[in-house]
């Protein structure tokens, strides 16, 4: 519901652009670019899957190989590899090879911090 339109002499008065124009302009200035908004939405979309959240959580403290992640989460190696590929695509995880084994870890501390903040958010009553 918008503001009521007042009539003055039978003519509708123009609605103000904002109630608090200064705050609205400050909010507009602080908003990220459309490109950044899309990137953020893609990142949060990637993190919206419970399996990927479990993988991120498992990697928060140490690096793990696909085999160990699969065993830990009770999934097949191919299912874990698929999820890791999506996480790599968003630069949430990275890997290093040791012979034929790939060890995965979080891409950087920002990912760990993001998870910690999200956990705090959902556990606060």
Protein backbone atom coordinates (compact mmCIF):
# COMPACT_ATOMS: atom_id res chain seq x y z
CA UNK A 1 0.00 0.00 0.00
CA UNK A 2 1.35 3.39 -0.95
CA UNK A 3 0.69 6.78 0.44
CA UNK A 4 -2.86 8.07 0.11
CA UNK A 5 -3.25 10.47 -2.78
CA UNK A 6 -4.69 13.77 -1.67
CA UNK A 7 -6.87 15.80 -3.94
CA UNK A 8 -6.51 19.55 -3.92
CA UNK A 9 -9.28 21.27 -5.82
CA UNK A 10 -10.06 18.04 -7.68
CA UNK A 11 -6.41 17.60 -8.79
CA UNK A 12 -4.38 14.69 -7.45
CA UNK A 13 -1.27 15.78 -5.55
CA UNK A 14 1.99 14.16 -6.65
CA UNK A 15 3.32 11.50 -4.28
CA UNK A 16 6.79 12.19 -2.89
CA UNK A 17 9.60 10.14 -4.41
CA UNK A 18 10.61 8.91 -0.91
CA UNK A 19 9.42 9.45 2.65
CA UNK A 20 13.02 9.87 3.86
CA UNK A 21 14.86 11.00 0.76
CA UNK A 22 18.23 11.38 2.48
CA UNK A 23 18.20 7.81 3.84
CA UNK A 24 16.94 6.43 0.53
CA UNK A 25 19.72 8.20 -1.39
CA UNK A 26 22.32 6.93 1.09
CA UNK A 27 20.95 3.39 0.67
CA UNK A 28 21.06 3.71 -3.12
CA UNK A 29 24.69 4.90 -2.98
CA UNK A 30 25.68 2.01 -0.69
CA UNK A 31 24.02 -0.66 -2.84
CA UNK A 32 26.40 -2.87 -4.81
CA UNK A 33 26.40 -2.77 -8.60
CA UNK A 34 24.09 -5.06 -10.58
CA UNK A 35 27.10 -7.18 -11.53
CA UNK A 36 28.09 -7.57 -7.86
CA UNK A 37 24.49 -8.38 -6.87
CA UNK A 38 24.38 -11.17 -9.49
CA UNK A 39 27.74 -12.56 -8.27
CA UNK A 40 26.54 -12.53 -4.67
CA UNK A 41 23.27 -14.21 -5.61
CA UNK A 42 25.18 -16.93 -7.48
CA UNK A 43 27.46 -17.49 -4.48
CA UNK A 44 24.55 -17.73 -2.06
CA UNK A 45 22.70 -19.93 -4.56
CA UNK A 46 25.65 -22.30 -4.61
CA UNK A 47 25.64 -22.36 -0.82
CA UNK A 48 21.90 -23.08 -0.71
CA UNK A 49 22.44 -26.83 -1.11
CA UNK A 50 22.82 -28.81 2.17
CA UNK A 51 25.46 -31.15 0.70
CA UNK A 52 27.61 -28.20 -0.36
CA UNK A 53 27.20 -26.61 3.09
CA UNK A 54 28.38 -29.89 4.64
CA UNK A 55 31.40 -29.95 2.32
CA UNK A 56 32.29 -26.35 3.21
CA UNK A 57 31.90 -27.20 6.91
CA UNK A 58 34.10 -30.27 6.57
CA UNK A 59 36.79 -28.23 4.84
CA UNK A 60 36.65 -25.37 7.36
CA UNK A 61 39.36 -26.90 9.53
CA UNK A 62 41.44 -29.02 7.19
CA UNK A 63 41.91 -30.14 3.63
CA UNK A 64 40.36 -33.44 2.58
CA UNK A 65 40.47 -35.64 -0.50
CA UNK A 66 37.38 -36.68 -2.45
CA UNK A 67 37.47 -40.20 -1.01
CA UNK A 68 37.48 -38.93 2.59
CA UNK A 69 34.76 -36.35 1.87
CA UNK A 70 32.62 -39.06 0.27
CA UNK A 71 33.03 -41.35 3.28
CA UNK A 72 32.45 -38.52 5.73
CA UNK A 73 29.22 -37.41 4.03
CA UNK A 74 28.02 -40.88 3.04
CA UNK A 75 27.98 -40.10 -0.70
CA UNK A 76 29.67 -41.49 -3.77
CA UNK A 77 32.95 -40.07 -4.99
CA UNK A 78 31.27 -38.93 -8.18
CA UNK A 79 28.53 -37.08 -6.25
CA UNK A 80 31.18 -35.30 -4.16
CA UNK A 81 33.24 -34.49 -7.26
CA UNK A 82 30.19 -32.93 -8.90
CA UNK A 83 29.53 -30.74 -5.86
CA UNK A 84 33.21 -29.77 -5.61
CA UNK A 85 33.18 -28.73 -9.27
CA UNK A 86 30.28 -26.34 -8.53
CA UNK A 87 32.05 -24.99 -5.45
CA UNK A 88 35.28 -24.50 -7.43
CA UNK A 89 33.34 -22.63 -10.11
CA UNK A 90 32.33 -20.05 -7.48
CA UNK A 91 35.88 -19.96 -6.04
CA UNK A 92 34.66 -21.35 -2.73
CA UNK A 93 37.10 -24.26 -2.70
CA UNK A 94 40.46 -24.96 -4.29
CA UNK A 95 42.54 -28.09 -4.67
CA UNK A 96 46.10 -29.28 -4.87
CA UNK A 97 47.28 -32.54 -6.37
CA UNK A 98 49.52 -35.00 -4.61
CA UNK A 99 50.18 -37.72 -7.16
CA UNK A 100 46.75 -38.81 -8.34
CA UNK A 101 44.93 -37.57 -5.26
CA UNK A 102 43.30 -34.13 -5.14
CA UNK A 103 43.11 -32.48 -1.74
CA UNK A 104 40.46 -29.80 -1.34
CA UNK A 105 40.41 -26.84 1.01
CA UNK A 106 38.48 -23.60 1.33
CA UNK A 107 39.60 -21.02 -1.20
CA UNK A 108 40.36 -18.44 1.49
CA UNK A 109 39.51 -17.33 5.01
CA UNK A 110 36.56 -15.25 3.74
CA UNK A 111 34.65 -18.48 3.11
CA UNK A 112 35.36 -19.74 6.63
CA UNK A 113 34.34 -16.36 8.08
CA UNK A 114 31.14 -16.34 6.00
CA UNK A 115 30.19 -19.77 7.33
CA UNK A 116 30.97 -18.77 10.92
CA UNK A 117 28.82 -15.65 10.60
CA UNK A 118 25.96 -17.62 9.03
CA UNK A 119 26.12 -20.18 11.86
CA UNK A 120 25.97 -17.36 14.41
CA UNK A 121 23.00 -15.87 12.57
CA UNK A 122 20.94 -19.06 12.51
CA UNK A 123 21.74 -20.00 16.14
CA UNK A 124 20.79 -16.63 17.67
CA UNK A 125 17.30 -16.64 19.10
